[in-house]
């Protein structure tokens, strides 16, 4: 049985995917790849965080190109079948697919790791080309040349040893292995490579500079194929009778270069199957890395994360991608770059943010579990804030706002109204387990500062309006006069809580709460 050359394993996995209850057709990626075959643009490296469907796409690609099977019955049902180049390349190529993570036991030394791969590929070539005496050729590249054939190379988790921090002293050797195998080789019709970390920038002599890289920060070509788009999730929500708004709240928010927003596909899949939106995050090892960055905390990274947990966007320029083989991040920019690469943050148009509720919860949990004292106090107070609001305990509400203001004074400038908005976001952090909280949402005849949309019928919708030096009654009057509650009455058909919050330069906070009756 072949290990890498023209195997059927990817096809079997792809059939399982197509037969799944939650399936999105991503076959149009083949249209792009067909244009790259046997051109100078045939080297492609796509890097994304885990859970973005990279391995599923490699299964699709090998299933389409490999000579090992007849995939026409399944691909005839997919979008790619309507393209002019469809039949010309379907199951016409020798394919070499390597998963560099090797699901077997990981060898202790690099020599054993790479030798296993080389030896197994060599055995595959011997089995396929029995008329060739491969013992005459001392390198893998020479063996491929001896076949006088063309091959498509598909590499999954190319950066495995970098990402796991193993064989560190041999990282350059591994890159040289790839370079010697691929660069300038006529037997390469296409090389499609995926991983988490972009390729390390090298001196010109040893660079894998034949690859065109497509990353979270720089991809206007393949962005729609990794993760689910908003249109795709709308389709799934209709098909499976799941509320789109809830899926969007929990799993959307990765902003691509074109403005496209991408959902976490794994979590959407599980949420639809279980009929329940919650955190299905499993990458705890990477979150531990993030906590280490927060402990290093150069120039206020932890403060920025607290602001982002409060639904703020952070302005930052000159983000460069964290790359394979790079030293552990130390500066603020390097830490943010690593967090983007690992999928914990999203970056677009100079603004950094936490993508969605799922990751927001992971940051909250991490901050609490790590016992950063100020953050623990903030989470305790946020639980009390919602209780106090529902109980119309305005004195406790004002006290909590005052405490958060004092503790976060380095973060927020209270001479601007968005300072109060940020503190209010932090004060209601715990409410996000029961509400979808929207800022500046259009409702009635204007835009409310905050609208709390309940996730269940047990909870009451809430509208909050903020004022500075005008008094809480002015805030309440604006909610009433601008009819902010009208849309919520129509949608939820139950009573609504309206809240006015005012502050002064002297850091005095006052609150007022009213319940409007649904008629």
Protein backbone atom coordinates (compact mmCIF):
# COMPACT_ATOMS: atom_id res chain seq x y z
CA UNK A 1 0.00 0.00 0.00
CA UNK A 2 1.37 3.40 -0.98
CA UNK A 3 1.92 5.91 1.81
CA UNK A 4 2.16 9.13 -0.22
CA UNK A 5 1.90 8.49 -3.98
CA UNK A 6 -1.57 8.25 -5.54
CA UNK A 7 -3.29 7.07 -2.38
CA UNK A 8 -7.05 6.72 -1.87
CA UNK A 9 -7.14 7.97 1.72
CA UNK A 10 -7.92 11.59 0.84
CA UNK A 11 -10.75 10.52 -1.46
CA UNK A 12 -12.35 8.41 1.26
CA UNK A 13 -12.15 11.33 3.68
CA UNK A 14 -13.56 13.70 1.07
CA UNK A 15 -16.52 11.41 0.40
CA UNK A 16 -17.25 11.39 4.13
CA UNK A 17 -17.17 15.19 4.11
CA UNK A 18 -19.53 15.48 1.13
CA UNK A 19 -21.93 13.04 2.79
CA UNK A 20 -21.91 15.01 6.04
CA UNK A 21 -24.99 16.80 7.34
CA UNK A 22 -23.10 20.11 7.28
CA UNK A 23 -21.30 20.45 3.95
CA UNK A 24 -20.25 23.56 2.02
CA UNK A 25 -19.02 23.17 -1.55
CA UNK A 26 -15.52 24.68 -1.78
CA UNK A 27 -14.64 22.99 -5.07
CA UNK A 28 -14.19 26.28 -6.96
CA UNK A 29 -10.70 26.49 -5.48
CA UNK A 30 -9.84 24.00 -8.24
CA UNK A 31 -10.59 26.64 -10.88
CA UNK A 32 -7.79 28.80 -9.47
CA UNK A 33 -5.37 25.89 -9.12
CA UNK A 34 -5.98 24.71 -12.69
CA UNK A 35 -4.76 28.10 -13.91
CA UNK A 36 -1.55 27.66 -11.91
CA UNK A 37 -0.66 24.19 -13.22
CA UNK A 38 2.73 24.08 -14.96
CA UNK A 39 3.29 27.83 -14.67
CA UNK A 40 5.75 29.91 -12.69
CA UNK A 41 2.91 30.49 -10.18
CA UNK A 42 2.57 26.81 -9.33
CA UNK A 43 3.98 27.13 -5.78
CA UNK A 44 1.26 28.08 -3.29
CA UNK A 45 1.50 28.30 0.50
CA UNK A 46 -1.71 28.98 2.42
CA UNK A 47 -1.55 29.55 6.16
CA UNK A 48 -4.52 29.78 8.50
CA UNK A 49 -5.19 29.06 12.19
CA UNK A 50 -6.37 25.61 13.18
CA UNK A 51 -10.03 24.71 12.60
CA UNK A 52 -10.29 26.63 9.31
CA UNK A 53 -10.70 23.58 7.05
CA UNK A 54 -7.19 23.42 5.61
CA UNK A 55 -6.97 19.62 5.73
CA UNK A 56 -10.42 19.20 4.20
CA UNK A 57 -9.31 21.31 1.23
CA UNK A 58 -6.20 19.16 0.75
CA UNK A 59 -8.47 16.10 0.62
CA UNK A 60 -10.60 17.83 -2.02
CA UNK A 61 -7.56 18.77 -4.10
CA UNK A 62 -5.98 15.33 -4.07
CA UNK A 63 -9.34 13.69 -4.82
CA UNK A 64 -9.72 15.86 -7.92
CA UNK A 65 -6.22 15.46 -9.34
CA UNK A 66 -5.04 11.97 -8.39
CA UNK A 67 -4.88 9.12 -10.90
CA UNK A 68 -5.64 6.69 -8.08
CA UNK A 69 -9.43 6.89 -8.34
CA UNK A 70 -12.34 7.92 -10.53
CA UNK A 71 -13.83 10.90 -8.69
CA UNK A 72 -16.11 12.03 -11.51
CA UNK A 73 -19.35 10.78 -9.90
CA UNK A 74 -18.83 12.95 -6.85
CA UNK A 75 -17.29 16.02 -8.53
CA UNK A 76 -20.02 16.09 -11.19
CA UNK A 77 -22.37 17.23 -8.40
CA UNK A 78 -20.11 20.12 -7.33
CA UNK A 79 -19.69 23.66 -8.65
CA UNK A 80 -16.34 23.00 -10.33
CA UNK A 81 -18.02 20.62 -12.82
CA UNK A 82 -19.49 23.64 -14.66
CA UNK A 83 -16.03 25.06 -15.47
CA UNK A 84 -14.35 24.63 -18.88
CA UNK A 85 -11.17 23.12 -17.40
CA UNK A 86 -13.03 20.57 -15.27
CA UNK A 87 -12.66 17.43 -17.41
CA UNK A 88 -9.17 18.29 -18.69
CA UNK A 89 -7.53 17.83 -15.29
CA UNK A 90 -9.89 15.51 -13.40
CA UNK A 91 -7.90 12.48 -12.11
CA UNK A 92 -5.07 13.04 -14.59
CA UNK A 93 -2.06 13.50 -12.27
CA UNK A 94 0.35 11.66 -10.05
CA UNK A 95 -0.10 13.15 -6.60
CA UNK A 96 2.19 13.14 -3.61
CA UNK A 97 0.41 14.11 -0.42
CA UNK A 98 2.41 14.45 2.80
CA UNK A 99 1.03 15.29 6.20
CA UNK A 100 4.20 16.41 7.96
CA UNK A 101 2.64 15.97 11.38
CA UNK A 102 2.83 12.18 10.82
CA UNK A 103 0.02 10.84 12.97
CA UNK A 104 2.23 7.97 14.14
CA UNK A 105 4.68 8.30 17.01
CA UNK A 106 6.95 11.30 16.49
CA UNK A 107 10.61 10.23 16.26
CA UNK A 108 13.00 11.58 18.87
CA UNK A 109 15.48 12.98 16.36
CA UNK A 110 15.12 14.92 13.11
CA UNK A 111 17.13 12.41 11.11
CA UNK A 112 14.62 9.64 11.88
CA UNK A 113 11.70 11.97 11.16
CA UNK A 114 12.84 13.07 7.72
CA UNK A 115 14.33 9.67 6.83
CA UNK A 116 10.98 8.00 7.43
CA UNK A 117 9.32 10.37 4.96
CA UNK A 118 12.08 10.00 2.34
CA UNK A 119 12.17 6.20 2.62
CA UNK A 120 8.41 5.81 2.35
CA UNK A 121 8.23 8.05 -0.73
CA UNK A 122 11.09 6.09 -2.27
CA UNK A 123 9.22 2.82 -1.66
CA UNK A 124 6.12 4.28 -3.30
CA UNK A 125 8.15 5.24 -6.38
CA UNK A 126 9.70 1.77 -6.55
CA UNK A 127 6.25 0.17 -6.44
CA UNK A 128 4.85 2.47 -9.11
CA UNK A 129 7.87 2.41 -11.47
CA UNK A 130 9.14 -1.14 -11.20
CA UNK A 131 11.00 -0.83 -14.50
CA UNK A 132 13.34 1.81 -13.01
CA UNK A 133 16.37 0.88 -10.90
CA UNK A 134 16.13 3.61 -8.27
CA UNK A 135 19.19 2.32 -6.42
CA UNK A 136 21.26 4.30 -8.94
CA UNK A 137 19.87 7.60 -7.61
CA UNK A 138 21.06 8.96 -4.29
CA UNK A 139 18.53 11.75 -3.72
CA UNK A 140 14.74 11.93 -3.72
CA UNK A 141 14.73 14.65 -6.36
CA UNK A 142 16.85 12.52 -8.70
CA UNK A 143 14.41 9.63 -8.28
CA UNK A 144 11.53 11.88 -9.30
CA UNK A 145 13.54 13.09 -12.30
CA UNK A 146 14.20 9.49 -13.31
CA UNK A 147 10.47 8.83 -13.73
CA UNK A 148 10.22 11.51 -16.44
CA UNK A 149 6.70 12.20 -15.10
CA UNK A 150 4.95 15.21 -13.62
CA UNK A 151 3.65 15.31 -10.05
CA UNK A 152 1.37 17.43 -7.93
CA UNK A 153 2.68 17.87 -4.39
CA UNK A 154 0.22 18.52 -1.57
CA UNK A 155 1.77 19.26 1.82
CA UNK A 156 -0.41 19.51 4.92
CA UNK A 157 0.98 21.03 8.14
CA UNK A 158 4.24 21.92 6.44
CA UNK A 159 5.24 23.90 9.56
CA UNK A 160 4.61 21.10 12.07
CA UNK A 161 8.11 21.02 13.53
CA UNK A 162 8.16 24.82 13.84
CA UNK A 163 4.72 25.01 15.42
CA UNK A 164 5.55 22.26 17.92
CA UNK A 165 9.00 23.64 18.66
CA UNK A 166 10.74 20.33 17.92
CA UNK A 167 14.01 19.64 16.08
CA UNK A 168 14.82 23.33 16.52
CA UNK A 169 18.45 22.99 15.50
CA UNK A 170 17.31 21.35 12.25
CA UNK A 171 14.69 23.87 11.12
CA UNK A 172 17.01 25.18 8.42
CA UNK A 173 17.72 21.61 7.31
CA UNK A 174 14.01 20.99 6.84
CA UNK A 175 13.59 24.12 4.74
CA UNK A 176 16.57 23.05 2.65
CA UNK A 177 14.91 19.64 2.18
CA UNK A 178 11.83 21.35 0.72
CA UNK A 179 13.92 23.67 -1.43
CA UNK A 180 16.02 20.87 -2.94
CA UNK A 181 12.94 18.71 -3.54
CA UNK A 182 10.87 21.43 -5.21
CA UNK A 183 12.73 24.49 -6.42
CA UNK A 184 13.45 24.53 -10.15
CA UNK A 185 12.23 20.95 -10.60
CA UNK A 186 10.48 20.22 -13.90
CA UNK A 187 8.58 17.29 -12.36
CA UNK A 188 6.55 19.69 -10.19
CA UNK A 189 3.27 20.58 -11.92
CA UNK A 190 1.87 22.16 -8.77
CA UNK A 191 2.83 22.40 -5.12
CA UNK A 192 0.05 23.28 -2.71
CA UNK A 193 1.19 23.70 0.89
CA UNK A 194 -0.79 24.55 4.04
CA UNK A 195 0.10 25.33 7.62
CA UNK A 196 -0.39 27.74 10.49
CA UNK A 197 2.84 29.74 10.25
CA UNK A 198 4.00 31.63 7.15
CA UNK A 199 7.41 30.76 5.71
CA UNK A 200 10.35 32.32 7.48
CA UNK A 201 12.08 35.08 5.54
CA UNK A 202 15.59 34.00 4.63
CA UNK A 203 18.65 35.31 2.93
CA UNK A 204 18.30 35.06 -0.84
CA UNK A 205 20.46 31.95 -1.08
CA UNK A 206 18.20 29.57 0.86
CA UNK A 207 14.75 31.16 0.64
CA UNK A 208 11.67 29.26 -0.47
CA UNK A 209 11.03 32.34 -2.53
CA UNK A 210 9.25 30.42 -5.29
CA UNK A 211 6.15 30.20 -3.07
CA UNK A 212 3.38 32.74 -3.23
CA UNK A 213 2.01 33.07 0.30
CA UNK A 214 -1.59 33.67 1.29
CA UNK A 215 -2.22 34.46 4.96
CA UNK A 216 -4.94 35.88 7.20
CA UNK A 217 -3.36 39.30 6.72
CA UNK A 218 -2.69 39.05 3.00
CA UNK A 219 -5.03 36.99 0.85
CA UNK A 220 -7.37 38.37 -1.76
CA UNK A 221 -7.43 35.12 -3.75
CA UNK A 222 -8.24 32.12 -1.53
CA UNK A 223 -9.95 33.83 1.42
CA UNK A 224 -13.46 32.46 0.75
CA UNK A 225 -12.31 28.83 0.82
CA UNK A 226 -11.13 28.71 4.44
CA UNK A 227 -13.89 29.12 6.97
CA UNK A 228 -17.54 29.76 6.16
CA UNK A 229 -18.67 33.02 4.56
CA UNK A 230 -21.74 34.92 5.76
CA UNK A 231 -23.74 33.76 2.72
CA UNK A 232 -22.79 30.14 3.40
CA UNK A 233 -23.86 30.37 7.04
CA UNK A 234 -27.15 32.02 6.02
CA UNK A 235 -27.74 28.99 3.80
CA UNK A 236 -26.88 26.57 6.62
CA UNK A 237 -29.04 28.41 9.14
CA UNK A 238 -32.05 28.21 6.81
CA UNK A 239 -31.46 24.56 6.01
CA UNK A 240 -30.99 23.49 9.63
CA UNK A 241 -33.43 25.91 11.27
CA UNK A 242 -30.77 27.68 13.36
CA UNK A 243 -30.97 31.44 14.09
CA UNK A 244 -28.37 33.17 11.94
CA UNK A 245 -27.94 36.04 14.43
CA UNK A 246 -26.85 33.62 17.14
CA UNK A 247 -24.36 31.84 14.87
CA UNK A 248 -23.02 35.23 13.82
CA UNK A 249 -22.67 36.38 17.43
CA UNK A 250 -20.73 33.29 18.45
CA UNK A 251 -18.53 32.41 15.48
CA UNK A 252 -18.24 35.29 12.97
CA UNK A 253 -15.75 38.12 12.92
CA UNK A 254 -12.53 37.19 11.12
CA UNK A 255 -12.07 40.13 8.76
CA UNK A 256 -10.23 39.44 5.53
CA UNK A 257 -8.33 41.89 3.34
CA UNK A 258 -11.30 42.39 0.99
CA UNK A 259 -13.71 43.05 3.86
CA UNK A 260 -15.13 39.51 3.72
CA UNK A 261 -16.05 38.19 7.17
CA UNK A 262 -15.36 34.55 7.95
CA UNK A 263 -16.93 32.18 10.48
CA UNK A 264 -15.06 29.50 12.41
CA UNK A 265 -16.26 26.45 10.41
CA UNK A 266 -15.63 23.77 13.03
CA UNK A 267 -17.68 25.55 15.67
CA UNK A 268 -20.53 26.31 13.24
CA UNK A 269 -20.58 22.64 12.27
CA UNK A 270 -20.83 21.43 15.87
CA UNK A 271 -23.36 24.10 16.85
CA UNK A 272 -25.67 23.05 14.00
CA UNK A 273 -25.34 19.35 14.83
CA UNK A 274 -25.97 19.95 18.53
CA UNK A 275 -28.57 22.67 17.90
CA UNK A 276 -26.82 24.85 20.46
CA UNK A 277 -24.44 27.79 20.21
CA UNK A 278 -21.66 27.86 22.79
CA UNK A 279 -17.89 27.72 22.85
CA UNK A 280 -16.51 24.64 21.13
CA UNK A 281 -12.95 25.93 21.28
CA UNK A 282 -10.42 23.14 21.73
CA UNK A 283 -7.05 24.81 21.12
CA UNK A 284 -6.07 25.13 24.79
CA UNK A 285 -2.35 24.78 24.10
CA UNK A 286 -2.33 27.91 21.97
CA UNK A 287 -4.33 29.81 24.60
CA UNK A 288 -1.63 28.94 27.13
CA UNK A 289 0.83 30.63 24.79
CA UNK A 290 -1.38 33.72 24.75
CA UNK A 291 -1.40 33.75 28.56
CA UNK A 292 2.39 33.69 28.52
CA UNK A 293 2.31 36.77 26.27
CA UNK A 294 -0.03 38.50 28.73
CA UNK A 295 2.36 37.71 31.57
CA UNK A 296 5.25 39.22 29.61
CA UNK A 297 2.95 42.23 29.03
CA UNK A 298 5.30 44.63 27.20
CA UNK A 299 3.89 48.16 27.03
CA UNK A 300 0.36 47.31 28.09
CA UNK A 301 -0.65 44.28 26.03
CA UNK A 302 -2.80 43.01 28.89
CA UNK A 303 -4.57 46.37 29.16
CA UNK A 304 -5.29 46.25 25.43
CA UNK A 305 -6.73 42.74 25.77
CA UNK A 306 -9.02 43.93 28.56
CA UNK A 307 -10.22 46.72 26.29
CA UNK A 308 -10.86 44.23 23.48
CA UNK A 309 -12.74 41.95 25.88
CA UNK A 310 -14.88 45.05 26.44
CA UNK A 311 -15.59 45.06 22.68
CA UNK A 312 -13.17 47.86 21.83
CA UNK A 313 -11.02 47.88 18.73
CA UNK A 314 -7.35 48.76 19.23
CA UNK A 315 -5.55 50.98 16.75
CA UNK A 316 -2.17 49.60 15.77
CA UNK A 317 0.03 50.04 12.71
CA UNK A 318 2.67 47.94 10.99
CA UNK A 319 1.59 44.43 11.96
CA UNK A 320 3.94 41.92 10.38
CA UNK A 321 3.20 38.22 10.22
CA UNK A 322 4.66 35.89 12.83
CA UNK A 323 6.64 33.31 10.87
CA UNK A 324 7.95 29.77 11.20
CA UNK A 325 11.27 29.67 13.01
CA UNK A 326 10.88 33.16 14.46
CA UNK A 327 12.03 33.70 18.04
CA UNK A 328 9.27 33.89 20.71
CA UNK A 329 7.54 37.28 20.46
CA UNK A 330 8.65 40.01 22.85
CA UNK A 331 7.38 43.36 21.57
CA UNK A 332 3.72 44.39 21.49
CA UNK A 333 3.64 44.15 17.68
CA UNK A 334 5.21 40.67 17.67
CA UNK A 335 2.75 39.41 20.30
CA UNK A 336 -0.23 40.73 18.36
CA UNK A 337 1.14 39.20 15.18
CA UNK A 338 1.41 35.79 16.88
CA UNK A 339 -2.12 36.09 18.29
CA UNK A 340 -3.51 36.92 14.83
CA UNK A 341 -1.62 34.01 13.26
CA UNK A 342 -3.02 31.61 15.89
CA UNK A 343 -6.54 32.90 15.26
CA UNK A 344 -7.17 34.66 18.58
CA UNK A 345 -7.42 38.16 17.12
CA UNK A 346 -8.48 39.67 13.82
CA UNK A 347 -6.90 42.70 12.15
CA UNK A 348 -8.35 44.94 9.47
CA UNK A 349 -7.73 48.53 8.37
CA UNK A 350 -5.40 49.24 11.29
CA UNK A 351 -7.81 47.93 13.94
CA UNK A 352 -7.26 44.90 16.17
CA UNK A 353 -10.15 43.08 17.85
CA UNK A 354 -11.39 39.78 19.28
CA UNK A 355 -13.39 38.14 16.46
CA UNK A 356 -16.45 36.70 18.21
CA UNK A 357 -18.22 35.62 21.39
CA UNK A 358 -16.56 32.20 21.39
CA UNK A 359 -13.09 33.71 21.62
CA UNK A 360 -14.28 36.50 23.90
CA UNK A 361 -15.28 33.80 26.37
CA UNK A 362 -11.90 32.10 26.06
CA UNK A 363 -10.11 35.37 26.85
CA UNK A 364 -12.41 36.02 29.82
CA UNK A 365 -11.83 32.49 31.13
CA UNK A 366 -8.09 32.76 30.62
CA UNK A 367 -7.86 36.09 32.42
CA UNK A 368 -9.88 34.75 35.35
CA UNK A 369 -8.07 31.42 35.55
CA UNK A 370 -4.70 33.14 35.51
CA UNK A 371 -5.81 35.30 38.41
CA UNK A 372 -4.67 38.69 37.19
CA UNK A 373 -6.06 40.46 40.27
CA UNK A 374 -7.57 43.52 38.59
CA UNK A 375 -9.27 41.43 35.93
CA UNK A 376 -10.73 39.02 38.52
CA UNK A 377 -12.29 41.98 40.36
CA UNK A 378 -13.70 43.25 37.08
CA UNK A 379 -15.37 39.92 36.28
CA UNK A 380 -16.90 39.72 39.75
CA UNK A 381 -18.25 43.23 39.40
CA UNK A 382 -19.65 42.52 35.94
CA UNK A 383 -21.76 39.69 37.35
CA UNK A 384 -23.11 42.05 40.02
CA UNK A 385 -23.78 44.78 37.44
CA UNK A 386 -26.39 42.79 35.53
CA UNK A 387 -28.07 41.67 38.75
CA UNK A 388 -28.17 45.25 39.99
CA UNK A 389 -29.60 46.47 36.69
CA UNK A 390 -32.39 43.89 36.69
CA UNK A 391 -33.13 44.76 40.32
CA UNK A 392 -33.04 48.49 39.50
CA UNK A 393 -30.38 48.94 42.18
CA UNK A 394 -28.96 52.15 40.73
CA UNK A 395 -26.70 52.83 43.71
CA UNK A 396 -24.81 49.55 43.19
CA UNK A 397 -24.65 50.19 39.45
CA UNK A 398 -23.06 53.61 39.98
CA UNK A 399 -20.57 52.17 42.48
CA UNK A 400 -19.46 49.45 40.05
CA UNK A 401 -18.96 51.97 37.24
CA UNK A 402 -16.95 54.17 39.61
CA UNK A 403 -14.72 51.23 40.63
CA UNK A 404 -14.04 50.15 37.04
CA UNK A 405 -13.34 53.74 36.06
CA UNK A 406 -10.77 54.12 38.85
CA UNK A 407 -9.09 50.80 38.11
CA UNK A 408 -8.95 51.35 34.35
CA UNK A 409 -8.09 55.07 34.47
CA UNK A 410 -4.96 54.47 32.39
CA UNK A 411 -7.13 53.07 29.62
CA UNK A 412 -10.01 55.46 29.27
CA UNK A 413 -10.18 59.20 28.79
CA UNK A 414 -13.38 60.37 30.39
CA UNK A 415 -13.30 63.65 28.52
CA UNK A 416 -14.77 61.67 25.63
CA UNK A 417 -18.07 59.81 25.70
CA UNK A 418 -16.48 56.67 24.28
CA UNK A 419 -14.53 56.43 27.54
CA UNK A 420 -17.77 55.77 29.41
CA UNK A 421 -18.89 53.45 26.61
CA UNK A 422 -15.77 51.33 27.12
CA UNK A 423 -16.26 51.14 30.88
CA UNK A 424 -19.92 50.21 30.45
CA UNK A 425 -18.82 47.41 28.08
CA UNK A 426 -16.53 46.07 30.79
CA UNK A 427 -19.20 46.46 33.47
CA UNK A 428 -21.55 44.20 31.52
CA UNK A 429 -19.01 41.55 30.43
CA UNK A 430 -20.86 38.72 32.17
CA UNK A 431 -24.12 39.75 30.51
CA UNK A 432 -22.74 38.41 27.23
CA UNK A 433 -23.59 34.87 28.34
CA UNK A 434 -27.28 35.85 28.22
CA UNK A 435 -27.37 38.63 25.65
CA UNK A 436 -26.08 39.62 22.24
CA UNK A 437 -24.90 43.17 22.97
CA UNK A 438 -24.91 45.60 20.05
CA UNK A 439 -23.37 49.09 20.16
CA UNK A 440 -24.76 52.00 18.14
CA UNK A 441 -27.47 49.81 16.60
CA UNK A 442 -30.17 51.50 14.55
CA UNK A 443 -33.54 51.25 16.27
CA UNK A 444 -36.68 53.36 16.24
CA UNK A 445 -35.72 56.83 14.99
CA UNK A 446 -32.02 56.75 15.84
CA UNK A 447 -29.12 54.73 17.20
CA UNK A 448 -28.99 53.48 20.78
CA UNK A 449 -25.66 53.38 22.61
CA UNK A 450 -26.30 49.77 23.71
CA UNK A 451 -29.01 47.23 22.99
CA UNK A 452 -29.02 43.92 24.85
CA UNK A 453 -30.75 41.24 22.75
CA UNK A 454 -31.75 38.29 24.97
CA UNK A 455 -30.70 34.79 23.91
CA UNK A 456 -33.72 33.18 25.61
CA UNK A 457 -37.34 34.14 26.27
CA UNK A 458 -36.59 34.24 30.00
CA UNK A 459 -34.53 37.43 29.81
CA UNK A 460 -35.74 40.98 29.29
CA UNK A 461 -34.36 43.15 26.44
CA UNK A 462 -32.36 46.18 27.61
CA UNK A 463 -31.63 49.57 26.03
CA UNK A 464 -28.87 51.77 27.50
CA UNK A 465 -28.20 55.43 26.66
CA UNK A 466 -25.14 57.34 27.92
CA UNK A 467 -24.79 61.04 28.71
CA UNK A 468 -22.12 63.39 30.01
CA UNK A 469 -23.04 66.21 32.39
CA UNK A 470 -26.68 66.11 31.28
CA UNK A 471 -28.32 63.85 33.82
CA UNK A 472 -29.93 60.44 33.52
CA UNK A 473 -33.40 61.83 32.78
CA UNK A 474 -32.09 63.30 29.51
CA UNK A 475 -30.85 59.82 28.56
CA UNK A 476 -34.21 58.24 29.44
CA UNK A 477 -36.10 60.94 27.55
CA UNK A 478 -33.98 60.32 24.44
CA UNK A 479 -34.80 56.60 24.53
CA UNK A 480 -38.50 57.43 24.75
CA UNK A 481 -38.58 60.30 22.24
CA UNK A 482 -36.50 58.45 19.65
CA UNK A 483 -38.66 55.35 20.14
CA UNK A 484 -35.63 53.07 20.64
CA UNK A 485 -37.89 50.45 22.24
CA UNK A 486 -40.30 50.17 19.31
CA UNK A 487 -38.20 47.73 17.30
CA UNK A 488 -37.61 45.58 20.38
CA UNK A 489 -41.30 45.51 21.28
CA UNK A 490 -42.07 44.33 17.78
CA UNK A 491 -39.36 41.68 17.84
CA UNK A 492 -39.64 40.28 21.37
CA UNK A 493 -43.26 41.13 22.31
CA UNK A 494 -42.48 41.60 25.99
CA UNK A 495 -41.47 44.30 28.46
CA UNK A 496 -38.22 46.20 27.96
CA UNK A 497 -35.79 47.67 30.46
CA UNK A 498 -34.36 51.11 29.62
CA UNK A 499 -31.29 52.49 31.37
CA UNK A 500 -29.81 55.99 31.48
CA UNK A 501 -26.22 56.49 32.68
CA UNK A 502 -24.59 59.87 33.23
CA UNK A 503 -21.12 60.90 34.40
CA UNK A 504 -19.25 64.08 35.25
CA UNK A 505 -15.63 65.19 35.07
CA UNK A 506 -15.52 64.57 38.81
CA UNK A 507 -16.09 60.86 38.12
CA UNK A 508 -19.60 60.91 39.55
CA UNK A 509 -21.82 58.30 37.96
CA UNK A 510 -25.59 58.25 38.20
CA UNK A 511 -27.97 55.65 36.84
CA UNK A 512 -31.70 55.41 36.21
CA UNK A 513 -33.69 52.31 35.25
CA UNK A 514 -37.26 52.05 33.95
CA UNK A 515 -39.33 49.13 32.72
CA UNK A 516 -41.52 49.78 29.70
CA UNK A 517 -44.63 47.64 29.44
CA UNK A 518 -45.41 45.82 26.23
CA UNK A 519 -48.96 46.53 25.10
